[in-house]
Amino acid sequence: MPKATLFSNRKPVERLKGSAQQERIWRAVESGTESLQIEALAGTGKSTTLYEAARRLDAPKSDLIYLAFGKLNQVEAAQKCPEVT
């Protein structure tokens, strides 16, 4: 995916450019005005979408909750998005 740059805690962070659906989700997360439920098939980018949403929030780790159902999911999340886990 193409990337742009944003700043998180005064450090440059690469910002993903996603599909139209992902961009809509990220805008909703950034605006904070909508509740979201994301439904998609396996392998369609749900985890990537959530990791990027968390990065765009630029919130302290203590303000975020990421629930993983299964040890393999937990390990994957820790590897792919250490900023959040």
Protein backbone atom coordinates (compact mmCIF):
# COMPACT_ATOMS: atom_id res chain seq x y z
CA MET A 1 0.00 0.00 0.00
CA PRO A 2 1.25 3.54 -0.68
CA LYS A 3 2.19 5.53 2.39
CA ALA A 4 2.13 9.18 3.45
CA THR A 5 3.61 10.72 6.59
CA LEU A 6 1.93 11.92 9.76
CA PHE A 7 3.41 12.94 13.08
CA SER A 8 2.82 10.98 16.26
CA ASN A 9 4.21 12.34 19.51
CA ARG A 10 6.49 14.60 17.42
CA LYS A 11 7.96 11.64 15.47
CA PRO A 12 7.20 11.11 11.78
CA VAL A 13 5.07 8.01 11.22
CA GLU A 14 4.21 6.48 7.86
CA ARG A 15 0.51 6.68 7.17
CA LEU A 16 -1.06 3.93 5.09
CA LYS A 17 -3.20 4.73 2.08
CA GLY A 18 -5.95 2.16 2.00
CA SER A 19 -9.00 1.18 0.03
CA ALA A 20 -12.04 3.44 -0.08
CA GLN A 21 -13.59 1.36 2.71
CA GLN A 22 -10.47 1.58 4.90
CA GLU A 23 -10.20 5.34 4.37
CA ARG A 24 -13.85 5.74 5.41
CA ILE A 25 -13.19 3.75 8.59
CA TRP A 26 -10.07 5.79 9.38
CA ARG A 27 -11.92 9.09 8.85
CA ALA A 28 -14.71 7.91 11.18
CA VAL A 29 -12.17 6.91 13.83
CA GLU A 30 -10.33 10.23 13.55
CA SER A 31 -13.57 12.23 13.78
CA GLY A 32 -14.72 10.32 16.84
CA THR A 33 -18.35 10.89 15.91
CA GLU A 34 -19.39 7.37 14.88
CA SER A 35 -19.62 3.95 16.44
CA LEU A 36 -18.23 1.33 14.10
CA GLN A 37 -18.74 -2.33 13.47
CA ILE A 38 -16.41 -3.82 10.89
CA GLU A 39 -17.50 -7.02 9.19
CA ALA A 40 -15.31 -8.64 6.54
CA LEU A 41 -14.07 -12.00 5.37
CA ALA A 42 -10.77 -13.54 6.46
CA GLY A 43 -7.73 -11.99 4.84
CA THR A 44 -9.42 -8.75 3.78
CA GLY A 45 -7.39 -6.38 5.98
CA LYS A 46 -9.37 -6.05 9.20
CA SER A 47 -6.30 -6.22 11.44
CA THR A 48 -4.34 -3.80 9.26
CA THR A 49 -7.30 -1.44 9.31
CA LEU A 50 -7.50 -1.59 13.10
CA TYR A 51 -3.75 -1.11 13.58
CA GLU A 52 -3.76 1.95 11.33
CA ALA A 53 -6.83 3.34 13.09
CA ALA A 54 -5.03 3.03 16.43
CA ARG A 55 -1.95 4.78 15.03
CA ARG A 56 -4.08 7.62 13.69
CA LEU A 57 -5.67 8.15 17.09
CA ASP A 58 -2.23 9.10 18.42
CA ALA A 59 -3.42 8.16 21.92
CA PRO A 60 -1.30 6.73 24.72
CA LYS A 61 -1.21 2.93 24.77
CA SER A 62 -3.02 3.02 28.10
CA ASP A 63 -6.06 4.58 26.35
CA LEU A 64 -6.46 1.74 23.84
CA ILE A 65 -7.80 -1.78 24.23
CA TYR A 66 -7.06 -4.49 21.69
CA LEU A 67 -8.67 -7.85 22.34
CA ALA A 68 -7.22 -10.87 20.61
CA PHE A 69 -9.00 -14.19 20.73
CA GLY A 70 -6.22 -16.75 20.70
CA LYS A 71 -2.52 -16.74 21.44
CA LEU A 72 -1.51 -16.66 17.76
CA ASN A 73 -3.63 -13.54 17.24
CA GLN A 74 -2.01 -11.92 20.28
CA VAL A 75 1.50 -12.67 19.03
CA GLU A 76 0.65 -11.39 15.54
CA ALA A 77 -0.75 -8.16 16.96
CA ALA A 78 2.34 -7.58 19.10
CA GLN A 79 4.59 -8.08 16.07
CA LYS A 80 2.59 -6.04 13.58
CA CYS A 81 1.65 -3.14 15.81
CA PRO A 82 3.93 -2.71 18.83
CA GLU A 83 2.68 0.88 19.19
CA VAL A 84 -0.69 -0.47 20.27
CA THR A 85 0.07 -3.73 22.05
